[in-house]
Each structure stands twice: as C-alpha cells, then as structure tokens.
Amino acid sequence: MEVIEAKSRTEHAYVREALSQLLDYAPHSPRPVDRLAVLVPGPLDERELRLLHRYGVDCIHRVSPGVFRRIPAPDDRRRLMKRAWTDS
C-alpha cells in the first residue's frame, strides 16, 4: 500500500510538512505501507527532492493536466526507512 500526502506548493516548508506527516501516518496505517510519496503541483528544487529521497519518500509532480511524473526514492533508502515505519 502507498500513502500519498498532497501539498499545494513546492516550497521547503510544505515539503518538510508533508514529510513529517507521512512519517507519522505510516506506522499507524491499518494496512502495511510499502511506499510513501509527496504529490506536488510542479517539480521540486533539488534540495527538496534530496530531502524526500533521504527518507525513502518518492516525489510525484504534475507535468500537465492529467499527466504526472514520479521520481522514486532510491530502493536502499526506502528499505532502510521502511523498517522505521513498521517497527513502531
């Protein structure tokens, strides 16, 4: 199962808030979580993308109406962080 947190903006404060919400939601999900993602209206700056990827979180952003692009976190980071989501 994937948990996605949507934000209306791409600035650091919004990305940081989405990350903290996802890390809080994942351990409390009624079903095991395999993937976390942040959905934003446009591409993130490299700094924000690195922040999400450090914690194993994918970024999904709108490319055009009805078209989205996923930039997945590295698998090794996702596996590492998944232990934190499931150990709670």
N, C-alpha and C. Protein backbone atom coordinates (compact mmCIF):
# COMPACT_ATOMS: atom_id res chain seq x y z
N MET A 1 0.84 -1.18 0.00
CA MET A 1 0.00 0.00 0.00
C MET A 1 0.89 1.24 0.00
N GLU A 2 0.42 2.26 -0.67
CA GLU A 2 1.14 3.52 -0.73
C GLU A 2 0.34 4.60 -0.01
N VAL A 3 1.05 5.44 0.74
CA VAL A 3 0.44 6.60 1.37
C VAL A 3 1.00 7.83 0.66
N ILE A 4 0.10 8.70 0.20
CA ILE A 4 0.49 9.90 -0.52
C ILE A 4 -0.03 11.12 0.24
N GLU A 5 0.86 12.08 0.45
CA GLU A 5 0.48 13.35 1.07
C GLU A 5 0.57 14.42 -0.01
N ALA A 6 -0.52 15.13 -0.24
CA ALA A 6 -0.58 16.17 -1.27
C ALA A 6 -0.36 17.54 -0.65
N LYS A 7 0.39 18.35 -1.36
CA LYS A 7 0.62 19.74 -0.95
C LYS A 7 0.34 20.66 -2.12
N SER A 8 -0.10 21.87 -1.82
CA SER A 8 -0.47 22.83 -2.86
C SER A 8 0.71 23.66 -3.35
N ARG A 9 1.86 23.53 -2.69
CA ARG A 9 3.03 24.33 -3.07
C ARG A 9 4.28 23.47 -2.98
N THR A 10 5.38 23.98 -3.54
CA THR A 10 6.61 23.20 -3.59
C THR A 10 7.72 23.75 -2.69
N GLU A 11 7.46 24.81 -1.95
CA GLU A 11 8.49 25.40 -1.10
C GLU A 11 8.88 24.45 0.04
N HIS A 12 10.05 24.73 0.60
CA HIS A 12 10.64 23.86 1.62
C HIS A 12 9.69 23.57 2.78
N ALA A 13 9.02 24.57 3.29
CA ALA A 13 8.13 24.36 4.43
C ALA A 13 7.02 23.36 4.11
N TYR A 14 6.51 23.39 2.90
CA TYR A 14 5.44 22.46 2.50
C TYR A 14 5.99 21.05 2.35
N VAL A 15 7.16 20.93 1.76
CA VAL A 15 7.77 19.61 1.58
C VAL A 15 8.11 19.01 2.94
N ARG A 16 8.65 19.83 3.81
CA ARG A 16 9.00 19.37 5.16
C ARG A 16 7.75 18.93 5.94
N GLU A 17 6.69 19.69 5.81
CA GLU A 17 5.45 19.32 6.48
C GLU A 17 4.91 18.00 5.93
N ALA A 18 4.95 17.83 4.62
CA ALA A 18 4.47 16.58 4.01
C ALA A 18 5.31 15.40 4.49
N LEU A 19 6.61 15.57 4.55
CA LEU A 19 7.49 14.51 5.02
C LEU A 19 7.16 14.11 6.44
N SER A 20 7.02 15.09 7.31
CA SER A 20 6.72 14.76 8.71
C SER A 20 5.35 14.09 8.85
N GLN A 21 4.39 14.52 8.06
CA GLN A 21 3.07 13.88 8.12
C GLN A 21 3.16 12.42 7.66
N LEU A 22 3.87 12.17 6.58
CA LEU A 22 4.00 10.79 6.09
C LEU A 22 4.69 9.90 7.10
N LEU A 23 5.75 10.41 7.71
CA LEU A 23 6.47 9.60 8.70
C LEU A 23 5.62 9.33 9.94
N ASP A 24 4.66 10.21 10.19
CA ASP A 24 3.72 9.99 11.29
C ASP A 24 2.61 9.02 10.89
N TYR A 25 2.10 9.14 9.66
CA TYR A 25 0.99 8.30 9.21
C TYR A 25 1.39 6.83 9.04
N ALA A 26 2.54 6.59 8.46
CA ALA A 26 2.92 5.23 8.03
C ALA A 26 2.81 4.19 9.14
N PRO A 27 3.34 4.43 10.34
CA PRO A 27 3.25 3.39 11.37
C PRO A 27 1.82 3.13 11.87
N HIS A 28 0.91 4.06 11.60
CA HIS A 28 -0.46 3.94 12.09
C HIS A 28 -1.44 3.47 11.03
N SER A 29 -0.94 3.13 9.87
CA SER A 29 -1.81 2.67 8.78
C SER A 29 -2.44 1.33 9.14
N PRO A 30 -3.71 1.14 8.82
CA PRO A 30 -4.35 -0.15 9.11
C PRO A 30 -3.80 -1.29 8.25
N ARG A 31 -3.14 -0.96 7.14
CA ARG A 31 -2.50 -1.97 6.29
C ARG A 31 -1.02 -1.65 6.17
N PRO A 32 -0.18 -2.65 5.97
CA PRO A 32 1.26 -2.40 5.85
C PRO A 32 1.56 -1.43 4.69
N VAL A 33 2.43 -0.49 4.95
CA VAL A 33 2.80 0.53 3.97
C VAL A 33 4.09 0.09 3.28
N ASP A 34 4.07 0.10 1.96
CA ASP A 34 5.25 -0.25 1.17
C ASP A 34 5.95 0.96 0.59
N ARG A 35 5.21 2.06 0.47
CA ARG A 35 5.76 3.21 -0.23
C ARG A 35 5.10 4.49 0.29
N LEU A 36 5.91 5.55 0.38
CA LEU A 36 5.42 6.87 0.75
C LEU A 36 5.74 7.82 -0.39
N ALA A 37 4.85 8.79 -0.63
CA ALA A 37 5.08 9.76 -1.70
C ALA A 37 4.46 11.10 -1.35
N VAL A 38 5.07 12.15 -1.87
CA VAL A 38 4.54 13.51 -1.77
C VAL A 38 4.09 13.91 -3.16
N LEU A 39 2.87 14.41 -3.26
CA LEU A 39 2.29 14.89 -4.51
C LEU A 39 2.29 16.42 -4.47
N VAL A 40 2.95 17.04 -5.45
CA VAL A 40 3.05 18.50 -5.51
C VAL A 40 2.68 18.98 -6.91
N PRO A 41 2.36 20.27 -7.03
CA PRO A 41 1.86 20.76 -8.32
C PRO A 41 2.92 20.95 -9.40
N GLY A 42 4.19 20.91 -9.05
CA GLY A 42 5.25 21.10 -10.03
C GLY A 42 6.53 20.48 -9.54
N PRO A 43 7.57 20.50 -10.36
CA PRO A 43 8.85 19.89 -9.97
C PRO A 43 9.43 20.55 -8.73
N LEU A 44 10.12 19.76 -7.93
CA LEU A 44 10.79 20.28 -6.73
C LEU A 44 12.20 20.73 -7.07
N ASP A 45 12.70 21.68 -6.29
CA ASP A 45 14.11 22.01 -6.35
C ASP A 45 14.91 20.79 -5.91
N GLU A 46 16.14 20.71 -6.33
CA GLU A 46 17.00 19.57 -5.99
C GLU A 46 17.11 19.38 -4.48
N ARG A 47 17.19 20.45 -3.74
CA ARG A 47 17.30 20.38 -2.27
C ARG A 47 16.09 19.65 -1.66
N GLU A 48 14.92 20.00 -2.13
CA GLU A 48 13.70 19.38 -1.58
C GLU A 48 13.61 17.91 -1.99
N LEU A 49 13.98 17.62 -3.23
CA LEU A 49 13.95 16.24 -3.69
C LEU A 49 14.93 15.38 -2.89
N ARG A 50 16.12 15.90 -2.65
CA ARG A 50 17.10 15.15 -1.83
C ARG A 50 16.56 14.89 -0.43
N LEU A 51 15.86 15.87 0.13
CA LEU A 51 15.27 15.69 1.47
C LEU A 51 14.30 14.51 1.47
N LEU A 52 13.40 14.48 0.51
CA LEU A 52 12.44 13.37 0.45
C LEU A 52 13.16 12.04 0.23
N HIS A 53 14.07 12.02 -0.70
CA HIS A 53 14.77 10.77 -1.02
C HIS A 53 15.63 10.27 0.14
N ARG A 54 16.15 11.17 0.95
CA ARG A 54 16.93 10.76 2.13
C ARG A 54 16.08 9.88 3.05
N TYR A 55 14.79 10.14 3.08
CA TYR A 55 13.87 9.39 3.94
C TYR A 55 13.06 8.35 3.16
N GLY A 56 13.50 8.04 1.96
CA GLY A 56 12.85 6.98 1.19
C GLY A 56 11.49 7.34 0.64
N VAL A 57 11.23 8.63 0.45
CA VAL A 57 9.93 9.11 0.00
C VAL A 57 10.01 9.54 -1.47
N ASP A 58 9.08 9.06 -2.28
CA ASP A 58 9.01 9.44 -3.68
C ASP A 58 8.40 10.83 -3.83
N CYS A 59 8.66 11.45 -4.97
CA CYS A 59 8.01 12.71 -5.33
C CYS A 59 7.18 12.47 -6.58
N ILE A 60 5.95 12.94 -6.55
CA ILE A 60 5.07 12.89 -7.72
C ILE A 60 4.68 14.33 -8.01
N HIS A 61 4.90 14.77 -9.25
CA HIS A 61 4.51 16.14 -9.57
C HIS A 61 3.77 16.18 -10.90
N ARG A 62 2.96 17.20 -11.02
CA ARG A 62 2.15 17.40 -12.22
C ARG A 62 3.02 17.93 -13.35
N VAL A 63 2.89 17.32 -14.51
CA VAL A 63 3.61 17.75 -15.70
C VAL A 63 2.69 18.60 -16.58
N SER A 64 1.46 18.14 -16.74
CA SER A 64 0.44 18.84 -17.49
C SER A 64 -0.91 18.30 -17.01
N PRO A 65 -2.02 18.89 -17.43
CA PRO A 65 -3.31 18.39 -16.94
C PRO A 65 -3.45 16.88 -17.13
N GLY A 66 -3.64 16.19 -16.03
CA GLY A 66 -3.83 14.74 -16.06
C GLY A 66 -2.57 13.92 -16.25
N VAL A 67 -1.41 14.58 -16.30
CA VAL A 67 -0.15 13.87 -16.50
C VAL A 67 0.77 14.15 -15.31
N PHE A 68 1.27 13.08 -14.70
CA PHE A 68 2.12 13.20 -13.53
C PHE A 68 3.41 12.42 -13.73
N ARG A 69 4.46 12.86 -13.07
CA ARG A 69 5.75 12.18 -13.12
C ARG A 69 6.14 11.78 -11.70
N ARG A 70 6.57 10.54 -11.56
CA ARG A 70 7.08 10.05 -10.27
C ARG A 70 8.59 10.02 -10.34
N ILE A 71 9.22 10.58 -9.31
CA ILE A 71 10.67 10.47 -9.15
C ILE A 71 10.88 9.62 -7.91
N PRO A 72 11.16 8.34 -8.10
CA PRO A 72 11.23 7.43 -6.96
C PRO A 72 12.48 7.63 -6.12
N ALA A 73 12.32 7.41 -4.84
CA ALA A 73 13.46 7.41 -3.93
C ALA A 73 14.30 6.18 -4.22
N PRO A 74 15.58 6.23 -3.92
CA PRO A 74 16.42 5.05 -4.10
C PRO A 74 15.89 3.87 -3.28
N ASP A 75 15.92 2.69 -3.88
CA ASP A 75 15.39 1.49 -3.20
C ASP A 75 16.06 1.24 -1.86
N ASP A 76 17.37 1.47 -1.76
CA ASP A 76 18.06 1.21 -0.49
C ASP A 76 17.56 2.14 0.61
N ARG A 77 17.24 3.39 0.28
CA ARG A 77 16.70 4.32 1.28
C ARG A 77 15.29 3.92 1.69
N ARG A 78 14.49 3.48 0.71
CA ARG A 78 13.12 3.06 1.02
C ARG A 78 13.15 1.84 1.96
N ARG A 79 14.02 0.89 1.67
CA ARG A 79 14.11 -0.31 2.52
C ARG A 79 14.55 0.06 3.93
N LEU A 80 15.53 0.94 4.03
CA LEU A 80 16.01 1.37 5.34
C LEU A 80 14.90 2.05 6.14
N MET A 81 14.21 2.98 5.51
CA MET A 81 13.17 3.72 6.21
C MET A 81 11.94 2.87 6.48
N LYS A 82 11.68 1.89 5.63
CA LYS A 82 10.51 1.03 5.84
C LYS A 82 10.60 0.32 7.19
N ARG A 83 11.81 0.00 7.60
CA ARG A 83 11.98 -0.61 8.93
C ARG A 83 11.48 0.34 10.03
N ALA A 84 11.72 1.62 9.87
CA ALA A 84 11.24 2.60 10.85
C ALA A 84 9.72 2.68 10.83
N TRP A 85 9.10 2.59 9.62
CA TRP A 85 7.65 2.67 9.52
C TRP A 85 6.99 1.48 10.19
N THR A 86 7.62 0.32 10.10
CA THR A 86 6.98 -0.91 10.56
C THR A 86 7.39 -1.32 11.98
N ASP A 87 8.44 -0.73 12.53
CA ASP A 87 8.89 -1.12 13.87
C ASP A 87 8.10 -0.46 14.99
N SER A 88 7.27 0.48 14.68
CA SER A 88 6.52 1.19 15.74
C SER A 88 5.39 0.37 16.27
